[in-house]
Amino acid sequence: MSKGARWIGLALTLAMFVFSTWMYLQTGDWVALVFAGGSFGYAIFFMAAKKAGNKEIS
């Protein structure tokens, strides 16, 4: 995964997490909480890909 793709993924994940958390606080809907948890999981994935660097097999 390229460096730019990792940064875009992290930015979108952060936006999804913030929106889902805000929606949960506004509505109390458990589905928004599940989406916030999923967004957090994606953030961990993109952070792990960032730390792995460019260890892609060509």
PDB file of N, CA and C in Angstrom:
ATOM      1  N   MET A   1       0.856  -1.163   0.000  1.00  0.00           N
ATOM      2  CA  MET A   1       0.000   0.000   0.000  1.00  0.00           C
ATOM      3  C   MET A   1       0.905   1.230   0.000  1.00  0.00           C
ATOM      4  N   SER A   2       0.572   2.184  -0.841  1.00  0.00           N
ATOM      5  CA  SER A   2       1.408   3.376  -0.939  1.00  0.00           C
ATOM      6  C   SER A   2       1.194   4.295   0.259  1.00  0.00           C
ATOM      7  N   LYS A   3       2.154   5.184   0.456  1.00  0.00           N
ATOM      8  CA  LYS A   3       2.087   6.110   1.586  1.00  0.00           C
ATOM      9  C   LYS A   3       0.850   6.998   1.485  1.00  0.00           C
ATOM     10  N   GLY A   4       0.550   7.477   0.292  1.00  0.00           N
ATOM     11  CA  GLY A   4      -0.625   8.323   0.098  1.00  0.00           C
ATOM     12  C   GLY A   4      -1.920   7.593   0.413  1.00  0.00           C
ATOM     13  N   ALA A   5      -2.000   6.316   0.004  1.00  0.00           N
ATOM     14  CA  ALA A   5      -3.195   5.520   0.271  1.00  0.00           C
ATOM     15  C   ALA A   5      -3.385   5.307   1.768  1.00  0.00           C
ATOM     16  N   ARG A   6      -2.277   5.099   2.494  1.00  0.00           N
ATOM     17  CA  ARG A   6      -2.383   4.926   3.949  1.00  0.00           C
ATOM     18  C   ARG A   6      -2.908   6.197   4.601  1.00  0.00           C
ATOM     19  N   TRP A   7      -2.412   7.359   4.177  1.00  0.00           N
ATOM     20  CA  TRP A   7      -2.869   8.623   4.765  1.00  0.00           C
ATOM     21  C   TRP A   7      -4.335   8.904   4.432  1.00  0.00           C
ATOM     22  N   ILE A   8      -4.733   8.589   3.204  1.00  0.00           N
ATOM     23  CA  ILE A   8      -6.144   8.763   2.836  1.00  0.00           C
ATOM     24  C   ILE A   8      -7.014   7.823   3.665  1.00  0.00           C
ATOM     25  N   GLY A   9      -6.580   6.588   3.826  1.00  0.00           N
ATOM     26  CA  GLY A   9      -7.321   5.626   4.642  1.00  0.00           C
ATOM     27  C   GLY A   9      -7.454   6.082   6.080  1.00  0.00           C
ATOM     28  N   LEU A  10      -6.368   6.599   6.651  1.00  0.00           N
ATOM     29  CA  LEU A  10      -6.425   7.095   8.032  1.00  0.00           C
ATOM     30  C   LEU A  10      -7.356   8.294   8.154  1.00  0.00           C
ATOM     31  N   ALA A  11      -7.312   9.204   7.188  1.00  0.00           N
ATOM     32  CA  ALA A  11      -8.174  10.392   7.233  1.00  0.00           C
ATOM     33  C   ALA A  11      -9.649   9.999   7.135  1.00  0.00           C
ATOM     34  N   LEU A  12      -9.969   9.103   6.212  1.00  0.00           N
ATOM     35  CA  LEU A  12     -11.360   8.662   6.067  1.00  0.00           C
ATOM     36  C   LEU A  12     -11.829   7.890   7.291  1.00  0.00           C
ATOM     37  N   THR A  13     -10.946   7.084   7.843  1.00  0.00           N
ATOM     38  CA  THR A  13     -11.283   6.328   9.046  1.00  0.00           C
ATOM     39  C   THR A  13     -11.555   7.265  10.215  1.00  0.00           C
ATOM     40  N   LEU A  14     -10.730   8.292  10.365  1.00  0.00           N
ATOM     41  CA  LEU A  14     -10.947   9.271  11.429  1.00  0.00           C
ATOM     42  C   LEU A  14     -12.286   9.978  11.243  1.00  0.00           C
ATOM     43  N   ALA A  15     -12.596  10.365  10.009  1.00  0.00           N
ATOM     44  CA  ALA A  15     -13.871  11.029   9.743  1.00  0.00           C
ATOM     45  C   ALA A  15     -15.046  10.109  10.072  1.00  0.00           C
ATOM     46  N   MET A  16     -14.941   8.826   9.697  1.00  0.00           N
ATOM     47  CA  MET A  16     -16.008   7.870  10.006  1.00  0.00           C
ATOM     48  C   MET A  16     -16.159   7.682  11.509  1.00  0.00           C
ATOM     49  N   PHE A  17     -15.031   7.613  12.217  1.00  0.00           N
ATOM     50  CA  PHE A  17     -15.083   7.425  13.667  1.00  0.00           C
ATOM     51  C   PHE A  17     -15.735   8.621  14.352  1.00  0.00           C
ATOM     52  N   VAL A  18     -15.326   9.819  13.963  1.00  0.00           N
ATOM     53  CA  VAL A  18     -15.880  11.027  14.576  1.00  0.00           C
ATOM     54  C   VAL A  18     -17.378  11.123  14.294  1.00  0.00           C
ATOM     55  N   PHE A  19     -17.774  10.888  13.048  1.00  0.00           N
ATOM     56  CA  PHE A  19     -19.194  10.971  12.705  1.00  0.00           C
ATOM     57  C   PHE A  19     -20.004   9.917  13.453  1.00  0.00           C
ATOM     58  N   SER A  20     -19.517   8.687  13.500  1.00  0.00           N
ATOM     59  CA  SER A  20     -20.251   7.621  14.184  1.00  0.00           C
ATOM     60  C   SER A  20     -20.370   7.893  15.671  1.00  0.00           C
ATOM     61  N   THR A  21     -19.296   8.407  16.274  1.00  0.00           N
ATOM     62  CA  THR A  21     -19.341   8.743  17.699  1.00  0.00           C
ATOM     63  C   THR A  21     -20.338   9.864  17.949  1.00  0.00           C
ATOM     64  N   TRP A  22     -20.306  10.889  17.116  1.00  0.00           N
ATOM     65  CA  TRP A  22     -21.250  12.016  17.241  1.00  0.00           C
ATOM     66  C   TRP A  22     -22.692  11.522  17.090  1.00  0.00           C
ATOM     67  N   MET A  23     -22.911  10.656  16.094  1.00  0.00           N
ATOM     68  CA  MET A  23     -24.265  10.128  15.864  1.00  0.00           C
ATOM     69  C   MET A  23     -24.731   9.309  17.064  1.00  0.00           C
ATOM     70  N   TYR A  24     -23.833   8.527  17.643  1.00  0.00           N
ATOM     71  CA  TYR A  24     -24.207   7.747  18.835  1.00  0.00           C
ATOM     72  C   TYR A  24     -24.565   8.670  19.997  1.00  0.00           C
ATOM     73  N   LEU A  25     -23.786   9.717  20.192  1.00  0.00           N
ATOM     74  CA  LEU A  25     -24.068  10.647  21.291  1.00  0.00           C
ATOM     75  C   LEU A  25     -25.381  11.393  21.078  1.00  0.00           C
ATOM     76  N   GLN A  26     -25.751  11.633  19.825  1.00  0.00           N
ATOM     77  CA  GLN A  26     -26.994  12.342  19.523  1.00  0.00           C
ATOM     78  C   GLN A  26     -28.210  11.441  19.652  1.00  0.00           C
ATOM     79  N   THR A  27     -28.085  10.185  19.213  1.00  0.00           N
ATOM     80  CA  THR A  27     -29.252   9.308  19.124  1.00  0.00           C
ATOM     81  C   THR A  27     -29.252   8.165  20.125  1.00  0.00           C
ATOM     82  N   GLY A  28     -28.079   7.762  20.592  1.00  0.00           N
ATOM     83  CA  GLY A  28     -27.998   6.601  21.477  1.00  0.00           C
ATOM     84  C   GLY A  28     -28.190   5.284  20.729  1.00  0.00           C
ATOM     85  N   ASP A  29     -28.129   5.326  19.397  1.00  0.00           N
ATOM     86  CA  ASP A  29     -28.346   4.141  18.572  1.00  0.00           C
ATOM     87  C   ASP A  29     -27.119   3.230  18.625  1.00  0.00           C
ATOM     88  N   TRP A  30     -27.321   1.977  18.940  1.00  0.00           N
ATOM     89  CA  TRP A  30     -26.211   1.041  19.087  1.00  0.00           C
ATOM     90  C   TRP A  30     -25.508   0.773  17.769  1.00  0.00           C
ATOM     91  N   VAL A  31     -26.211   0.935  16.634  1.00  0.00           N
ATOM     92  CA  VAL A  31     -25.590   0.695  15.335  1.00  0.00           C
ATOM     93  C   VAL A  31     -24.457   1.698  15.098  1.00  0.00           C
ATOM     94  N   ALA A  32     -24.662   2.947  15.497  1.00  0.00           N
ATOM     95  CA  ALA A  32     -23.613   3.960  15.360  1.00  0.00           C
ATOM     96  C   ALA A  32     -22.398   3.578  16.204  1.00  0.00           C
ATOM     97  N   LEU A  33     -22.636   2.999  17.352  1.00  0.00           N
ATOM     98  CA  LEU A  33     -21.541   2.561  18.212  1.00  0.00           C
ATOM     99  C   LEU A  33     -20.761   1.414  17.560  1.00  0.00           C
ATOM    100  N   VAL A  34     -21.473   0.513  16.893  1.00  0.00           N
ATOM    101  CA  VAL A  34     -20.814  -0.581  16.173  1.00  0.00           C
ATOM    102  C   VAL A  34     -19.962  -0.023  15.040  1.00  0.00           C
ATOM    103  N   PHE A  35     -20.485   0.967  14.315  1.00  0.00           N
ATOM    104  CA  PHE A  35     -19.711   1.582  13.241  1.00  0.00           C
ATOM    105  C   PHE A  35     -18.484   2.302  13.783  1.00  0.00           C
ATOM    106  N   ALA A  36     -18.600   2.932  14.939  1.00  0.00           N
ATOM    107  CA  ALA A  36     -17.439   3.592  15.548  1.00  0.00           C
ATOM    108  C   ALA A  36     -16.383   2.546  15.897  1.00  0.00           C
ATOM    109  N   GLY A  37     -16.808   1.417  16.418  1.00  0.00           N
ATOM    110  CA  GLY A  37     -15.867   0.336  16.723  1.00  0.00           C
ATOM    111  C   GLY A  37     -15.199  -0.207  15.474  1.00  0.00           C
ATOM    112  N   GLY A  38     -15.965  -0.360  14.402  1.00  0.00           N
ATOM    113  CA  GLY A  38     -15.398  -0.806  13.133  1.00  0.00           C
ATOM    114  C   GLY A  38     -14.394   0.192  12.581  1.00  0.00           C
ATOM    115  N   SER A  39     -14.711   1.467  12.714  1.00  0.00           N
ATOM    116  CA  SER A  39     -13.786   2.508  12.263  1.00  0.00           C
ATOM    117  C   SER A  39     -12.488   2.452  13.048  1.00  0.00           C
ATOM    118  N   PHE A  40     -12.587   2.189  14.340  1.00  0.00           N
ATOM    119  CA  PHE A  40     -11.401   2.058  15.176  1.00  0.00           C
ATOM    120  C   PHE A  40     -10.554   0.876  14.711  1.00  0.00           C
ATOM    121  N   GLY A  41     -11.220  -0.215  14.343  1.00  0.00           N
ATOM    122  CA  GLY A  41     -10.512  -1.382  13.826  1.00  0.00           C
ATOM    123  C   GLY A  41      -9.773  -1.074  12.533  1.00  0.00           C
ATOM    124  N   TYR A  42     -10.418  -0.334  11.648  1.00  0.00           N
ATOM    125  CA  TYR A  42      -9.754   0.073  10.405  1.00  0.00           C
ATOM    126  C   TYR A  42      -8.570   0.987  10.695  1.00  0.00           C
ATOM    127  N   ALA A  43      -8.695   1.843  11.681  1.00  0.00           N
ATOM    128  CA  ALA A  43      -7.581   2.733  12.040  1.00  0.00           C
ATOM    129  C   ALA A  43      -6.375   1.910  12.477  1.00  0.00           C
ATOM    130  N   ILE A  44      -6.623   0.867  13.250  1.00  0.00           N
ATOM    131  CA  ILE A  44      -5.524  -0.014  13.680  1.00  0.00           C
ATOM    132  C   ILE A  44      -4.886  -0.679  12.462  1.00  0.00           C
ATOM    133  N   PHE A  45      -5.709  -1.101  11.498  1.00  0.00           N
ATOM    134  CA  PHE A  45      -5.192  -1.719  10.277  1.00  0.00           C
ATOM    135  C   PHE A  45      -4.293  -0.752   9.516  1.00  0.00           C
ATOM    136  N   PHE A  46      -4.747   0.479   9.308  1.00  0.00           N
ATOM    137  CA  PHE A  46      -3.959   1.441   8.555  1.00  0.00           C
ATOM    138  C   PHE A  46      -2.708   1.865   9.317  1.00  0.00           C
ATOM    139  N   MET A  47      -2.781   1.925  10.639  1.00  0.00           N
ATOM    140  CA  MET A  47      -1.595   2.249  11.422  1.00  0.00           C
ATOM    141  C   MET A  47      -0.575   1.110  11.319  1.00  0.00           C
ATOM    142  N   ALA A  48      -1.041  -0.131  11.337  1.00  0.00           N
ATOM    143  CA  ALA A  48      -0.132  -1.273  11.197  1.00  0.00           C
ATOM    144  C   ALA A  48       0.509  -1.270   9.817  1.00  0.00           C
ATOM    145  N   ALA A  49      -0.252  -0.925   8.794  1.00  0.00           N
ATOM    146  CA  ALA A  49       0.297  -0.854   7.442  1.00  0.00           C
ATOM    147  C   ALA A  49       1.315   0.275   7.354  1.00  0.00           C
ATOM    148  N   LYS A  50       1.081   1.357   8.077  1.00  0.00           N
ATOM    149  CA  LYS A  50       2.015   2.483   8.078  1.00  0.00           C
ATOM    150  C   LYS A  50       3.324   2.078   8.744  1.00  0.00           C
ATOM    151  N   LYS A  51       3.239   1.357   9.856  1.00  0.00           N
ATOM    152  CA  LYS A  51       4.444   0.926  10.563  1.00  0.00           C
ATOM    153  C   LYS A  51       5.213  -0.134   9.780  1.00  0.00           C
ATOM    154  N   ALA A  52       4.499  -0.930   9.003  1.00  0.00           N
ATOM    155  CA  ALA A  52       5.160  -1.992   8.229  1.00  0.00           C
ATOM    156  C   ALA A  52       6.013  -1.384   7.108  1.00  0.00           C
ATOM    157  N   GLY A  53       5.676  -0.179   6.713  1.00  0.00           N
ATOM    158  CA  GLY A  53       6.464   0.489   5.676  1.00  0.00           C
ATOM    159  C   GLY A  53       6.213  -0.103   4.308  1.00  0.00           C
ATOM    160  N   ASN A  54       7.198  -0.058   3.484  1.00  0.00           N
ATOM    161  CA  ASN A  54       7.072  -0.540   2.119  1.00  0.00           C
ATOM    162  C   ASN A  54       7.662  -1.941   1.993  1.00  0.00           C
ATOM    163  N   LYS A  55       7.104  -2.872   2.693  1.00  0.00           N
ATOM    164  CA  LYS A  55       7.572  -4.258   2.637  1.00  0.00           C
ATOM    165  C   LYS A  55       6.724  -5.050   1.655  1.00  0.00           C
ATOM    166  N   GLU A  56       6.353  -4.399   0.558  1.00  0.00           N
ATOM    167  CA  GLU A  56       5.527  -5.058  -0.453  1.00  0.00           C
ATOM    168  C   GLU A  56       6.391  -5.986  -1.291  1.00  0.00           C
ATOM    169  N   ILE A  57       5.804  -7.066  -1.718  1.00  0.00           N
ATOM    170  CA  ILE A  57       6.493  -8.007  -2.596  1.00  0.00           C
ATOM    171  C   ILE A  57       6.219  -7.573  -4.033  1.00  0.00           C
ATOM    172  N   SER A  58       7.276  -7.367  -4.796  1.00  0.00           N
ATOM    173  CA  SER A  58       7.085  -6.929  -6.180  1.00  0.00           C
ATOM    174  C   SER A  58       7.205  -8.077  -7.140  1.00  0.00           C
TER     175      SER A  58
END
